[in-house]
Amino acid sequence: MYVVTVVFEPHVGQLEAFLPLMLENARRSLEDEPGCHRFDVCLSADRRSVFLYEIYEDETAFAAHVETAHFKSFDDAIVDLVRQKTVKTYALLEADVRPS
């Protein structure tokens, strides 16, 4: 399994515009992409950053994700809403992706 984490830091005053776009991207990823097993969207307590935890079948499934129309639309829509985006990737050592 291929794990992707992303931290978004929206510009001040842009969180309310950013969150619906982010949640829709997550929903579409889970519904439309068979290689996407998990897509959690988390908001920091201070409401200054959004953390994503995504699990894909493999790196190829993630590469397919970033080529989808819904991802490209999301990515274009947030350009002016976000001041920083940090992406990291990992290999999942224990592949237990069953919903809790």
Protein backbone atom coordinates (compact mmCIF):
# COMPACT_ATOMS: atom_id res chain seq x y z
CA MET A 1 0.00 0.00 0.00
CA TYR A 2 1.08 3.55 -0.81
CA VAL A 3 0.38 6.28 1.76
CA VAL A 4 0.20 9.97 0.97
CA THR A 5 -0.02 12.73 3.56
CA VAL A 6 -0.69 16.31 2.65
CA VAL A 7 -0.80 19.42 4.82
CA PHE A 8 -2.59 22.42 3.39
CA GLU A 9 -2.28 25.84 4.97
CA PRO A 10 -5.05 28.02 3.56
CA HIS A 11 -4.62 31.78 3.40
CA VAL A 12 -6.27 33.63 6.31
CA GLY A 13 -10.00 33.83 5.66
CA GLN A 14 -10.00 31.11 2.97
CA LEU A 15 -10.73 28.00 5.05
CA GLU A 16 -14.50 28.19 4.46
CA ALA A 17 -13.96 28.31 0.69
CA PHE A 18 -11.31 25.57 0.79
CA LEU A 19 -13.03 22.91 2.93
CA PRO A 20 -16.03 22.11 0.67
CA LEU A 21 -13.68 21.69 -2.30
CA MET A 22 -11.41 19.43 -0.26
CA LEU A 23 -14.25 17.29 1.06
CA GLU A 24 -15.71 16.87 -2.43
CA ASN A 25 -12.31 15.79 -3.77
CA ALA A 26 -12.01 13.22 -0.97
CA ARG A 27 -15.54 11.90 -1.58
CA ARG A 28 -15.00 11.56 -5.33
CA SER A 29 -11.63 9.87 -4.79
CA LEU A 30 -13.19 7.21 -2.57
CA GLU A 31 -16.25 6.70 -4.77
CA ASP A 32 -14.67 6.86 -8.22
CA GLU A 33 -11.17 5.44 -7.80
CA PRO A 34 -10.91 1.70 -7.08
CA GLY A 35 -7.24 2.14 -6.09
CA CYS A 36 -8.07 4.69 -3.35
CA HIS A 37 -8.72 2.83 -0.08
CA ARG A 38 -8.75 5.69 2.41
CA PHE A 39 -8.96 9.47 2.24
CA ASP A 40 -9.23 11.20 5.61
CA VAL A 41 -9.57 14.99 5.85
CA CYS A 42 -8.57 16.40 9.25
CA LEU A 43 -8.76 19.98 10.53
CA SER A 44 -6.24 21.24 13.09
CA ALA A 45 -7.58 22.50 16.43
CA ASP A 46 -6.49 26.05 15.59
CA ARG A 47 -8.25 25.78 12.17
CA ARG A 48 -5.09 26.90 10.37
CA SER A 49 -4.24 23.68 8.55
CA VAL A 50 -5.89 20.69 6.92
CA PHE A 51 -4.18 17.30 7.07
CA LEU A 52 -4.92 14.51 4.60
CA TYR A 53 -4.18 10.82 5.12
CA GLU A 54 -4.66 8.83 1.94
CA ILE A 55 -4.03 5.17 1.19
CA TYR A 56 -3.76 3.87 -2.36
CA GLU A 57 -3.28 0.37 -3.68
CA ASP A 58 0.13 1.39 -5.03
CA GLU A 59 2.03 4.30 -6.53
CA THR A 60 0.32 3.71 -9.88
CA ALA A 61 -3.10 4.21 -8.26
CA PHE A 62 -1.92 7.51 -6.79
CA ALA A 63 -0.54 8.59 -10.16
CA ALA A 64 -3.97 7.82 -11.63
CA HIS A 65 -5.59 9.89 -8.85
CA VAL A 66 -3.70 13.06 -9.77
CA GLU A 67 -4.78 12.61 -13.40
CA THR A 68 -8.52 12.44 -12.66
CA ALA A 69 -10.79 15.27 -13.75
CA HIS A 70 -12.04 15.80 -10.19
CA PHE A 71 -8.50 16.15 -8.81
CA LYS A 72 -7.42 18.53 -11.58
CA SER A 73 -10.53 20.64 -11.02
CA PHE A 74 -9.86 20.73 -7.26
CA ASP A 75 -6.18 21.55 -7.74
CA ASP A 76 -7.02 24.45 -10.09
CA ALA A 77 -9.74 25.76 -7.75
CA ILE A 78 -7.49 26.00 -4.68
CA VAL A 79 -4.49 27.76 -6.23
CA ASP A 80 -5.43 31.14 -4.73
CA LEU A 81 -6.86 29.69 -1.50
CA VAL A 82 -3.74 27.96 -0.18
CA ARG A 83 -0.47 29.54 0.92
CA GLN A 84 1.38 26.25 1.38
CA LYS A 85 0.98 22.57 0.50
CA THR A 86 3.33 19.87 1.80
CA VAL A 87 3.11 16.35 0.35
CA LYS A 88 4.91 13.27 1.71
CA THR A 89 4.68 9.64 0.64
CA TYR A 90 5.26 6.41 2.54
CA ALA A 91 5.06 2.65 2.19
CA LEU A 92 2.51 1.09 4.54
CA LEU A 93 4.22 -1.71 6.48
CA GLU A 94 1.06 -3.35 7.84
CA ALA A 95 -1.71 -3.32 5.26
CA ASP A 96 -4.89 -3.29 7.36
CA VAL A 97 -7.21 -0.80 5.68
CA ARG A 98 -10.51 -2.14 6.96
CA PRO A 99 -12.89 0.60 8.15
CA SER A 100 -13.19 0.78 11.90
